[in-house]
Amino acid sequence: LDGVENRADVHLFAFDMSRFDLRYEIGTSHPEVDWSPRPSGRGR
């Protein structure tokens, strides 16, 4: 790790999952379900 990364702050939240239900929702636009422009050739 370089000097900048060594001094970069990290903030953390921890959740005791005995108290919570975790759920997930996608946005109105992202992530999409079409092709990423990255794969090509045999990958597409």
All heavy atoms as atom14 arrays in JSON, in Angstrom:
{
  "sequence": "LDGVENRADVHLFAFDMSRFDLRYEIGTSHPEVDWSPRPSGRGR",
  "atom14_mask": [
    [1, 1, 1, 1, 1, 1, 1, 1, 0, 0, 0, 0, 0, 0],
    [1, 1, 1, 1, 1, 1, 1, 1, 0, 0, 0, 0, 0, 0],
    [1, 1, 1, 1, 0, 0, 0, 0, 0, 0, 0, 0, 0, 0],
    [1, 1, 1, 1, 1, 1, 1, 0, 0, 0, 0, 0, 0, 0],
    [1, 1, 1, 1, 1, 1, 1, 1, 1, 0, 0, 0, 0, 0],
    [1, 1, 1, 1, 1, 1, 1, 1, 0, 0, 0, 0, 0, 0],
    [1, 1, 1, 1, 1, 1, 1, 1, 1, 1, 1, 0, 0, 0],
    [1, 1, 1, 1, 1, 0, 0, 0, 0, 0, 0, 0, 0, 0],
    [1, 1, 1, 1, 1, 1, 1, 1, 0, 0, 0, 0, 0, 0],
    [1, 1, 1, 1, 1, 1, 1, 0, 0, 0, 0, 0, 0, 0],
    [1, 1, 1, 1, 1, 1, 1, 1, 1, 1, 0, 0, 0, 0],
    [1, 1, 1, 1, 1, 1, 1, 1, 0, 0, 0, 0, 0, 0],
    [1, 1, 1, 1, 1, 1, 1, 1, 1, 1, 1, 0, 0, 0],
    [1, 1, 1, 1, 1, 0, 0, 0, 0, 0, 0, 0, 0, 0],
    [1, 1, 1, 1, 1, 1, 1, 1, 1, 1, 1, 0, 0, 0],
    [1, 1, 1, 1, 1, 1, 1, 1, 0, 0, 0, 0, 0, 0],
    [1, 1, 1, 1, 1, 1, 1, 1, 0, 0, 0, 0, 0, 0],
    [1, 1, 1, 1, 1, 1, 0, 0, 0, 0, 0, 0, 0, 0],
    [1, 1, 1, 1, 1, 1, 1, 1, 1, 1, 1, 0, 0, 0],
    [1, 1, 1, 1, 1, 1, 1, 1, 1, 1, 1, 0, 0, 0],
    [1, 1, 1, 1, 1, 1, 1, 1, 0, 0, 0, 0, 0, 0],
    [1, 1, 1, 1, 1, 1, 1, 1, 0, 0, 0, 0, 0, 0],
    [1, 1, 1, 1, 1, 1, 1, 1, 1, 1, 1, 0, 0, 0],
    [1, 1, 1, 1, 1, 1, 1, 1, 1, 1, 1, 1, 0, 0],
    [1, 1, 1, 1, 1, 1, 1, 1, 1, 0, 0, 0, 0, 0],
    [1, 1, 1, 1, 1, 1, 1, 1, 0, 0, 0, 0, 0, 0],
    [1, 1, 1, 1, 0, 0, 0, 0, 0, 0, 0, 0, 0, 0],
    [1, 1, 1, 1, 1, 1, 1, 0, 0, 0, 0, 0, 0, 0],
    [1, 1, 1, 1, 1, 1, 0, 0, 0, 0, 0, 0, 0, 0],
    [1, 1, 1, 1, 1, 1, 1, 1, 1, 1, 0, 0, 0, 0],
    [1, 1, 1, 1, 1, 1, 1, 0, 0, 0, 0, 0, 0, 0],
    [1, 1, 1, 1, 1, 1, 1, 1, 1, 0, 0, 0, 0, 0],
    [1, 1, 1, 1, 1, 1, 1, 0, 0, 0, 0, 0, 0, 0],
    [1, 1, 1, 1, 1, 1, 1, 1, 0, 0, 0, 0, 0, 0],
    [1, 1, 1, 1, 1, 1, 1, 1, 1, 1, 1, 1, 1, 1],
    [1, 1, 1, 1, 1, 1, 0, 0, 0, 0, 0, 0, 0, 0],
    [1, 1, 1, 1, 1, 1, 1, 0, 0, 0, 0, 0, 0, 0],
    [1, 1, 1, 1, 1, 1, 1, 1, 1, 1, 1, 0, 0, 0],
    [1, 1, 1, 1, 1, 1, 1, 0, 0, 0, 0, 0, 0, 0],
    [1, 1, 1, 1, 1, 1, 0, 0, 0, 0, 0, 0, 0, 0],
    [1, 1, 1, 1, 0, 0, 0, 0, 0, 0, 0, 0, 0, 0],
    [1, 1, 1, 1, 1, 1, 1, 1, 1, 1, 1, 0, 0, 0],
    [1, 1, 1, 1, 0, 0, 0, 0, 0, 0, 0, 0, 0, 0],
    [1, 1, 1, 1, 1, 1, 1, 1, 1, 1, 1, 0, 0, 0]
  ],
  "atom14_positions": [
    [[0.84, -1.2, 0.0], [0.0, 0.0, 0.0], [0.87, 1.24, 0.0], [1.85, 1.32, 0.76], [-0.92, 0.01, 1.23], [-1.72, -1.27, 1.53], [-2.62, -1.04, 2.73], [-2.52, -1.7, 0.32], [0.0, 0.0, 0.0], [0.0, 0.0, 0.0], [0.0, 0.0, 0.0], [0.0, 0.0, 0.0], [0.0, 0.0, 0.0], [0.0, 0.0, 0.0]],
    [[0.5, 2.23, -0.83], [1.3, 3.45, -0.86], [0.92, 4.39, 0.28], [-0.01, 4.15, 1.04], [1.2, 4.15, -2.22], [-0.18, 4.74, -2.52], [-0.95, 5.0, -1.57], [-0.47, 4.98, -3.71], [0.0, 0.0, 0.0], [0.0, 0.0, 0.0], [0.0, 0.0, 0.0], [0.0, 0.0, 0.0], [0.0, 0.0, 0.0], [0.0, 0.0, 0.0]],
    [[1.65, 5.51, 0.39], [1.47, 6.43, 1.5], [0.1, 7.06, 1.54], [-0.46, 7.29, 2.62], [0.0, 0.0, 0.0], [0.0, 0.0, 0.0], [0.0, 0.0, 0.0], [0.0, 0.0, 0.0], [0.0, 0.0, 0.0], [0.0, 0.0, 0.0], [0.0, 0.0, 0.0], [0.0, 0.0, 0.0], [0.0, 0.0, 0.0], [0.0, 0.0, 0.0]],
    [[-0.47, 7.35, 0.37], [-1.8, 7.96, 0.34], [-2.85, 6.98, 0.87], [-3.69, 7.33, 1.71], [-2.16, 8.41, -1.09], [-3.6, 8.91, -1.15], [-1.2, 9.49, -1.56], [0.0, 0.0, 0.0], [0.0, 0.0, 0.0], [0.0, 0.0, 0.0], [0.0, 0.0, 0.0], [0.0, 0.0, 0.0], [0.0, 0.0, 0.0], [0.0, 0.0, 0.0]],
    [[-2.8, 5.75, 0.4], [-3.78, 4.76, 0.84], [-3.63, 4.45, 2.32], [-4.62, 4.26, 3.03], [-3.61, 3.47, 0.02], [-4.66, 2.42, 0.33], [-4.64, 1.27, -0.66], [-3.69, 1.18, -1.46], [-5.59, 0.46, -0.63], [0.0, 0.0, 0.0], [0.0, 0.0, 0.0], [0.0, 0.0, 0.0], [0.0, 0.0, 0.0], [0.0, 0.0, 0.0]],
    [[-2.39, 4.42, 2.81], [-2.17, 4.15, 4.23], [-2.86, 5.18, 5.13], [-3.27, 4.86, 6.24], [-0.67, 4.13, 4.53], [-0.03, 2.79, 4.2], [-0.67, 1.75, 4.31], [1.23, 2.81, 3.8], [0.0, 0.0, 0.0], [0.0, 0.0, 0.0], [0.0, 0.0, 0.0], [0.0, 0.0, 0.0], [0.0, 0.0, 0.0], [0.0, 0.0, 0.0]],
    [[-2.97, 6.43, 4.63], [-3.54, 7.5, 5.45], [-5.01, 7.77, 5.15], [-5.6, 8.7, 5.71], [-2.75, 8.8, 5.24], [-1.28, 8.72, 5.64], [-0.65, 10.09, 5.62], [-0.79, 10.75, 4.33], [0.05, 10.6, 3.29], [1.09, 9.78, 3.42], [-0.13, 11.24, 2.16], [0.0, 0.0, 0.0], [0.0, 0.0, 0.0], [0.0, 0.0, 0.0]],
    [[-5.62, 7.0, 4.26], [-7.0, 7.25, 3.83], [-7.99, 6.68, 4.85], [-7.92, 5.5, 5.21], [-7.24, 6.64, 2.46], [0.0, 0.0, 0.0], [0.0, 0.0, 0.0], [0.0, 0.0, 0.0], [0.0, 0.0, 0.0], [0.0, 0.0, 0.0], [0.0, 0.0, 0.0], [0.0, 0.0, 0.0], [0.0, 0.0, 0.0], [0.0, 0.0, 0.0]],
    [[-8.94, 7.49, 5.29], [-9.91, 7.06, 6.29], [-10.84, 5.98, 5.74], [-11.23, 5.99, 4.57], [-10.77, 8.24, 6.75], [-10.0, 9.22, 7.63], [-8.85, 8.89, 8.02], [-10.55, 10.29, 7.94], [0.0, 0.0, 0.0], [0.0, 0.0, 0.0], [0.0, 0.0, 0.0], [0.0, 0.0, 0.0], [0.0, 0.0, 0.0], [0.0, 0.0, 0.0]],
    [[-11.2, 5.07, 6.64], [-12.2, 4.05, 6.36], [-13.27, 4.15, 7.44], [-12.95, 4.18, 8.63], [-11.6, 2.63, 6.36], [-12.67, 1.58, 6.03], [-10.42, 2.54, 5.4], [0.0, 0.0, 0.0], [0.0, 0.0, 0.0], [0.0, 0.0, 0.0], [0.0, 0.0, 0.0], [0.0, 0.0, 0.0], [0.0, 0.0, 0.0], [0.0, 0.0, 0.0]],
    [[-14.54, 4.22, 7.03], [-15.67, 4.28, 7.97], [-16.46, 2.98, 7.85], [-16.7, 2.49, 6.73], [-16.6, 5.45, 7.64], [-15.95, 6.78, 7.76], [-16.53, 7.94, 7.29], [-14.76, 7.17, 8.29], [-15.74, 8.97, 7.53], [-14.66, 8.52, 8.12], [0.0, 0.0, 0.0], [0.0, 0.0, 0.0], [0.0, 0.0, 0.0], [0.0, 0.0, 0.0]],
    [[-16.89, 2.44, 8.97], [-17.59, 1.15, 8.96], [-18.83, 1.19, 9.85], [-18.8, 1.76, 10.94], [-16.68, 0.02, 9.46], [-15.31, -0.16, 8.79], [-14.23, 0.59, 9.59], [-14.93, -1.64, 8.71], [0.0, 0.0, 0.0], [0.0, 0.0, 0.0], [0.0, 0.0, 0.0], [0.0, 0.0, 0.0], [0.0, 0.0, 0.0], [0.0, 0.0, 0.0]],
    [[-19.91, 0.58, 9.35], [-21.09, 0.27, 10.14], [-21.17, -1.25, 10.24], [-21.01, -1.96, 9.24], [-22.38, 0.77, 9.49], [-22.71, 2.21, 9.74], [-23.34, 2.97, 8.74], [-22.43, 2.83, 10.94], [-23.65, 4.3, 8.95], [-22.75, 4.17, 11.16], [-23.36, 4.9, 10.17], [0.0, 0.0, 0.0], [0.0, 0.0, 0.0], [0.0, 0.0, 0.0]],
    [[-21.45, -1.78, 11.44], [-21.69, -3.21, 11.62], [-23.12, -3.41, 12.07], [-23.62, -2.67, 12.93], [-20.72, -3.79, 12.64], [0.0, 0.0, 0.0], [0.0, 0.0, 0.0], [0.0, 0.0, 0.0], [0.0, 0.0, 0.0], [0.0, 0.0, 0.0], [0.0, 0.0, 0.0], [0.0, 0.0, 0.0], [0.0, 0.0, 0.0], [0.0, 0.0, 0.0]],
    [[-23.78, -4.41, 11.5], [-25.18, -4.71, 11.8], [-25.28, -6.11, 12.41], [-24.83, -7.08, 11.79], [-26.04, -4.63, 10.54], [-26.0, -3.29, 9.85], [-25.05, -3.03, 8.87], [-26.89, -2.29, 10.19], [-25.0, -1.79, 8.23], [-26.85, -1.04, 9.56], [-25.91, -0.8, 8.58], [0.0, 0.0, 0.0], [0.0, 0.0, 0.0], [0.0, 0.0, 0.0]],
    [[-25.85, -6.19, 13.6], [-26.09, -7.48, 14.24], [-27.31, -8.11, 13.58], [-28.45, -7.7, 13.81], [-26.34, -7.24, 15.74], [-26.64, -8.53, 16.5], [-26.8, -9.58, 15.86], [-26.72, -8.47, 17.74], [0.0, 0.0, 0.0], [0.0, 0.0, 0.0], [0.0, 0.0, 0.0], [0.0, 0.0, 0.0], [0.0, 0.0, 0.0], [0.0, 0.0, 0.0]],
    [[-27.08, -9.12, 12.74], [-28.15, -9.63, 11.89], [-29.19, -10.45, 12.64], [-30.18, -10.87, 12.04], [-27.55, -10.44, 10.74], [-26.71, -9.59, 9.77], [-27.59, -8.11, 9.17], [-28.9, -8.86, 8.21], [0.0, 0.0, 0.0], [0.0, 0.0, 0.0], [0.0, 0.0, 0.0], [0.0, 0.0, 0.0], [0.0, 0.0, 0.0], [0.0, 0.0, 0.0]],
    [[-29.0, -10.68, 13.94], [-30.08, -11.29, 14.71], [-31.24, -10.32, 14.87], [-32.35, -10.73, 15.24], [-29.57, -11.73, 16.08], [-29.22, -10.61, 16.89], [0.0, 0.0, 0.0], [0.0, 0.0, 0.0], [0.0, 0.0, 0.0], [0.0, 0.0, 0.0], [0.0, 0.0, 0.0], [0.0, 0.0, 0.0], [0.0, 0.0, 0.0], [0.0, 0.0, 0.0]],
    [[-31.01, -9.05, 14.58], [-32.03, -8.02, 14.75], [-32.63, -7.52, 13.44], [-33.58, -6.75, 13.45], [-31.42, -6.81, 15.48], [-31.13, -7.07, 16.94], [-30.48, -5.85, 17.59], [-30.52, -5.95, 19.04], [-31.47, -5.45, 19.81], [-32.47, -4.79, 19.26], [-31.43, -5.58, 21.12], [0.0, 0.0, 0.0], [0.0, 0.0, 0.0], [0.0, 0.0, 0.0]],
    [[-32.07, -7.93, 12.29], [-32.47, -7.31, 11.03], [-32.78, -8.33, 9.95], [-32.23, -9.43, 9.93], [-31.35, -6.38, 10.52], [-30.92, -5.32, 11.5], [-29.7, -5.42, 12.15], [-31.75, -4.24, 11.79], [-29.3, -4.45, 13.07], [-31.36, -3.28, 12.7], [-30.13, -3.38, 13.34], [0.0, 0.0, 0.0], [0.0, 0.0, 0.0], [0.0, 0.0, 0.0]],
    [[-33.65, -7.92, 9.02], [-33.84, -8.6, 7.74], [-33.15, -7.77, 6.67], [-33.36, -6.55, 6.6], [-35.33, -8.72, 7.39], [-36.07, -9.71, 8.27], [-35.45, -10.72, 8.67], [-37.24, -9.48, 8.57], [0.0, 0.0, 0.0], [0.0, 0.0, 0.0], [0.0, 0.0, 0.0], [0.0, 0.0, 0.0], [0.0, 0.0, 0.0], [0.0, 0.0, 0.0]],
    [[-32.34, -8.41, 5.84], [-31.67, -7.73, 4.73], [-32.46, -7.94, 3.45], [-32.84, -9.08, 3.13], [-30.24, -8.26, 4.55], [-29.43, -7.63, 3.42], [-29.11, -6.17, 3.73], [-28.16, -8.43, 3.15], [0.0, 0.0, 0.0], [0.0, 0.0, 0.0], [0.0, 0.0, 0.0], [0.0, 0.0, 0.0], [0.0, 0.0, 0.0], [0.0, 0.0, 0.0]],
    [[-32.71, -6.86, 2.72], [-33.43, -6.94, 1.45], [-32.72, -6.1, 0.39], [-31.84, -5.3, 0.71], [-34.88, -6.49, 1.62], [-35.64, -7.33, 2.64], [-37.1, -7.03, 2.7], [-37.78, -7.86, 3.69], [-39.08, -7.87, 3.9], [-39.88, -7.09, 3.18], [-39.62, -8.66, 4.81], [0.0, 0.0, 0.0], [0.0, 0.0, 0.0], [0.0, 0.0, 0.0]],
    [[-33.15, -6.3, -0.87], [-32.46, -5.67, -2.0], [-33.47, -5.25, -3.05], [-34.46, -5.95, -3.28], [-31.45, -6.67, -2.58], [-30.81, -6.25, -3.88], [-29.86, -5.24, -3.94], [-31.16, -6.9, -5.07], [-29.27, -4.88, -5.14], [-30.56, -6.55, -6.28], [-29.62, -5.53, -6.31], [-29.04, -5.17, -7.5], [0.0, 0.0, 0.0], [0.0, 0.0, 0.0]],
    [[-33.23, -4.1, -3.65], [-34.12, -3.59, -4.71], [-33.25, -2.96, -5.79], [-32.25, -2.29, -5.48], [-35.07, -2.53, -4.13], [-36.12, -2.03, -5.09], [-37.29, -2.99, -5.26], [-37.77, -3.56, -4.25], [-37.73, -3.18, -6.42], [0.0, 0.0, 0.0], [0.0, 0.0, 0.0], [0.0, 0.0, 0.0], [0.0, 0.0, 0.0], [0.0, 0.0, 0.0]],
    [[-33.58, -3.19, -7.06], [-32.8, -2.52, -8.1], [-33.43, -1.17, -8.41], [-34.58, -0.9, -8.1], [-32.64, -3.39, -9.37], [-33.93, -3.46, -10.18], [-32.14, -4.76, -9.02], [-33.71, -4.1, -11.54], [0.0, 0.0, 0.0], [0.0, 0.0, 0.0], [0.0, 0.0, 0.0], [0.0, 0.0, 0.0], [0.0, 0.0, 0.0], [0.0, 0.0, 0.0]],
    [[-32.63, -0.31, -9.04], [-33.08, 1.04, -9.35], [-33.98, 1.07, -10.57], [-34.2, 0.06, -11.25], [0.0, 0.0, 0.0], [0.0, 0.0, 0.0], [0.0, 0.0, 0.0], [0.0, 0.0, 0.0], [0.0, 0.0, 0.0], [0.0, 0.0, 0.0], [0.0, 0.0, 0.0], [0.0, 0.0, 0.0], [0.0, 0.0, 0.0], [0.0, 0.0, 0.0]],
    [[-34.47, 2.26, -10.88], [-35.32, 2.4, -12.06], [-34.55, 2.15, -13.35], [-35.15, 1.81, -14.37], [-35.94, 3.81, -12.1], [-34.89, 4.79, -12.06], [-36.86, 4.04, -10.9], [0.0, 0.0, 0.0], [0.0, 0.0, 0.0], [0.0, 0.0, 0.0], [0.0, 0.0, 0.0], [0.0, 0.0, 0.0], [0.0, 0.0, 0.0], [0.0, 0.0, 0.0]],
    [[-33.22, 2.3, -13.3], [-32.42, 2.11, -14.51], [-31.27, 1.13, -14.36], [-30.86, 0.51, -15.35], [-31.83, 3.46, -14.97], [-32.84, 4.41, -15.23], [0.0, 0.0, 0.0], [0.0, 0.0, 0.0], [0.0, 0.0, 0.0], [0.0, 0.0, 0.0], [0.0, 0.0, 0.0], [0.0, 0.0, 0.0], [0.0, 0.0, 0.0], [0.0, 0.0, 0.0]],
    [[-30.74, 0.99, -13.15], [-29.53, 0.19, -12.97], [-29.69, -0.79, -11.81], [-30.34, -0.48, -10.81], [-28.34, 1.11, -12.7], [-28.06, 2.1, -13.78], [-27.6, 1.73, -15.02], [-28.21, 3.45, -13.81], [-27.46, 2.81, -15.77], [-27.82, 3.86, -15.06], [0.0, 0.0, 0.0], [0.0, 0.0, 0.0], [0.0, 0.0, 0.0], [0.0, 0.0, 0.0]],
    [[-29.06, -1.99, -11.95], [-28.33, -2.46, -13.13], [-29.29, -2.91, -14.23], [-30.38, -3.4, -13.94], [-27.53, -3.65, -12.59], [-28.35, -4.14, -11.43], [-28.99, -2.93, -10.82], [0.0, 0.0, 0.0], [0.0, 0.0, 0.0], [0.0, 0.0, 0.0], [0.0, 0.0, 0.0], [0.0, 0.0, 0.0], [0.0, 0.0, 0.0], [0.0, 0.0, 0.0]],
    [[-28.89, -2.71, -15.45], [-29.69, -3.12, -16.6], [-29.46, -4.6, -16.9], [-28.63, -5.25, -16.24], [-29.36, -2.25, -17.8], [-29.7, -0.78, -17.58], [-29.26, 0.11, -18.72], [-28.09, -0.01, -19.14], [-30.08, 0.92, -19.19], [0.0, 0.0, 0.0], [0.0, 0.0, 0.0], [0.0, 0.0, 0.0], [0.0, 0.0, 0.0], [0.0, 0.0, 0.0]],
    [[-30.15, -5.13, -17.88], [-30.06, -6.55, -18.19], [-29.59, -6.8, -19.62], [-29.59, -7.94, -20.08], [-31.4, -7.27, -17.94], [-31.75, -7.25, -16.46], [-32.53, -6.64, -18.77], [0.0, 0.0, 0.0], [0.0, 0.0, 0.0], [0.0, 0.0, 0.0], [0.0, 0.0, 0.0], [0.0, 0.0, 0.0], [0.0, 0.0, 0.0], [0.0, 0.0, 0.0]],
    [[-29.22, -5.73, -20.34], [-28.69, -5.92, -21.7], [-27.2, -6.21, -21.62], [-26.65, -6.49, -20.55], [-29.01, -4.7, -22.56], [-28.43, -3.41, -21.98], [-27.86, -3.45, -20.87], [-28.56, -2.35, -22.63], [0.0, 0.0, 0.0], [0.0, 0.0, 0.0], [0.0, 0.0, 0.0], [0.0, 0.0, 0.0], [0.0, 0.0, 0.0], [0.0, 0.0, 0.0]],
    [[-26.52, -6.1, -22.73], [-25.09, -6.41, -22.77], [-24.25, -5.28, -22.18], [-24.5, -4.11, -22.45], [-24.63, -6.65, -24.2], [-25.12, -7.92, -24.82], [-26.17, -8.06, -25.67], [-24.57, -9.22, -24.64], [-26.32, -9.36, -26.04], [-25.35, -10.11, -25.42], [-23.5, -9.73, -23.9], [-25.09, -11.48, -25.47], [-23.24, -11.09, -23.95], [-24.03, -11.95, -24.73]],
    [[-23.26, -5.64, -21.41], [-22.17, -4.71, -21.12], [-21.33, -4.58, -22.38], [-21.19, -5.55, -23.14], [-21.3, -5.25, -19.98], [-20.06, -4.57, -19.93], [0.0, 0.0, 0.0], [0.0, 0.0, 0.0], [0.0, 0.0, 0.0], [0.0, 0.0, 0.0], [0.0, 0.0, 0.0], [0.0, 0.0, 0.0], [0.0, 0.0, 0.0], [0.0, 0.0, 0.0]],
    [[-20.76, -3.4, -22.65], [-19.9, -3.27, -23.83], [-18.57, -3.99, -23.69], [-17.81, -4.09, -24.67], [-19.68, -1.75, -23.94], [-19.86, -1.24, -22.55], [-20.92, -2.12, -21.92], [0.0, 0.0, 0.0], [0.0, 0.0, 0.0], [0.0, 0.0, 0.0], [0.0, 0.0, 0.0], [0.0, 0.0, 0.0], [0.0, 0.0, 0.0], [0.0, 0.0, 0.0]],
    [[-18.28, -4.55, -22.53], [-16.95, -5.12, -22.31], [-16.7, -6.45, -23.02], [-15.69, -6.61, -23.68], [-16.69, -5.25, -20.8], [-16.56, -3.9, -20.11], [-16.13, -4.02, -18.67], [-15.81, -2.71, -18.12], [-15.28, -2.5, -16.93], [-15.02, -3.54, -16.15], [-15.01, -1.28, -16.51], [0.0, 0.0, 0.0], [0.0, 0.0, 0.0], [0.0, 0.0, 0.0]],
    [[-17.59, -7.44, -22.91], [-17.3, -8.71, -23.6], [-17.33, -8.54, -25.12], [-18.11, -7.74, -25.66], [-18.44, -9.63, -23.14], [-19.01, -8.99, -21.93], [-18.83, -7.52, -22.13], [0.0, 0.0, 0.0], [0.0, 0.0, 0.0], [0.0, 0.0, 0.0], [0.0, 0.0, 0.0], [0.0, 0.0, 0.0], [0.0, 0.0, 0.0], [0.0, 0.0, 0.0]],
    [[-16.51, -9.31, -25.79], [-16.5, -9.28, -27.25], [-16.08, -10.66, -27.75], [-15.74, -11.54, -26.95], [-15.52, -8.22, -27.77], [-14.2, -8.47, -27.3], [0.0, 0.0, 0.0], [0.0, 0.0, 0.0], [0.0, 0.0, 0.0], [0.0, 0.0, 0.0], [0.0, 0.0, 0.0], [0.0, 0.0, 0.0], [0.0, 0.0, 0.0], [0.0, 0.0, 0.0]],
    [[-16.11, -10.84, -29.06], [-15.7, -12.12, -29.63], [-16.52, -13.26, -29.08], [-17.76, -13.24, -29.09], [0.0, 0.0, 0.0], [0.0, 0.0, 0.0], [0.0, 0.0, 0.0], [0.0, 0.0, 0.0], [0.0, 0.0, 0.0], [0.0, 0.0, 0.0], [0.0, 0.0, 0.0], [0.0, 0.0, 0.0], [0.0, 0.0, 0.0], [0.0, 0.0, 0.0]],
    [[-15.85, -14.29, -28.57], [-16.54, -15.47, -28.05], [-17.39, -15.16, -26.82], [-18.25, -15.96, -26.44], [-15.51, -16.55, -27.71], [-14.86, -17.18, -28.94], [-13.88, -18.28, -28.54], [-12.69, -17.75, -27.9], [-12.37, -17.91, -26.62], [-13.19, -18.61, -25.83], [-11.27, -17.41, -26.1], [0.0, 0.0, 0.0], [0.0, 0.0, 0.0], [0.0, 0.0, 0.0]],
    [[-17.17, -14.01, -26.19], [-17.92, -13.66, -24.99], [-19.26, -13.01, -25.28], [-20.0, -12.7, -24.34], [0.0, 0.0, 0.0], [0.0, 0.0, 0.0], [0.0, 0.0, 0.0], [0.0, 0.0, 0.0], [0.0, 0.0, 0.0], [0.0, 0.0, 0.0], [0.0, 0.0, 0.0], [0.0, 0.0, 0.0], [0.0, 0.0, 0.0], [0.0, 0.0, 0.0]],
    [[-19.59, -12.79, -26.56], [-20.81, -12.06, -26.86], [-21.57, -12.75, -28.0], [-20.98, -13.1, -29.02], [-20.47, -10.63, -27.26], [-21.68, -9.72, -27.4], [-21.24, -8.32, -27.79], [-22.35, -7.39, -27.83], [-22.54, -6.4, -26.98], [-21.66, -6.2, -26.0], [-23.56, -5.59, -27.08], [0.0, 0.0, 0.0], [0.0, 0.0, 0.0], [0.0, 0.0, 0.0]]
  ]
}
